[in-house]
Amino acid sequence: MTTSFAAIIASKKRRHIIRNFKKAGAISPNEAKPLLDLDLAESLIFKIQKMRGVVVEVKPNLFYLDEVREKEVARTRLLLVFLLMIIAVLLLLYVFI
């Protein structure tokens, strides 16, 4: 239960970060903005997005959202969830059949 709750919170924070970048128009290197203008802090979720290349720092404290990379990461996340669901179904079938 706790893990599910943590995943929901992390997902909400990730969407908040992405929404703030889009709302501020910081979606290209030329439109990079400081965190203060994006109303964001360098939280753990922010650092993860930065590590994944979704958030890119072009200069010290100037960031933008790489929308192409964000879509790739989202697609990978969905694939992982789908595979985990298949594994869970297979395990249930194995146990009950």
Foldseek 3Di string as FASTA:
>chain_A
DVVVVVVVVLVVVLVLQVVLQVVQVQADPVSWDACVSSVHDCDPSVVVCCVQVQWDDPDVRTIGGPVVSVVVVVVVVVVVVVVVVVVVVVVVVVVPD
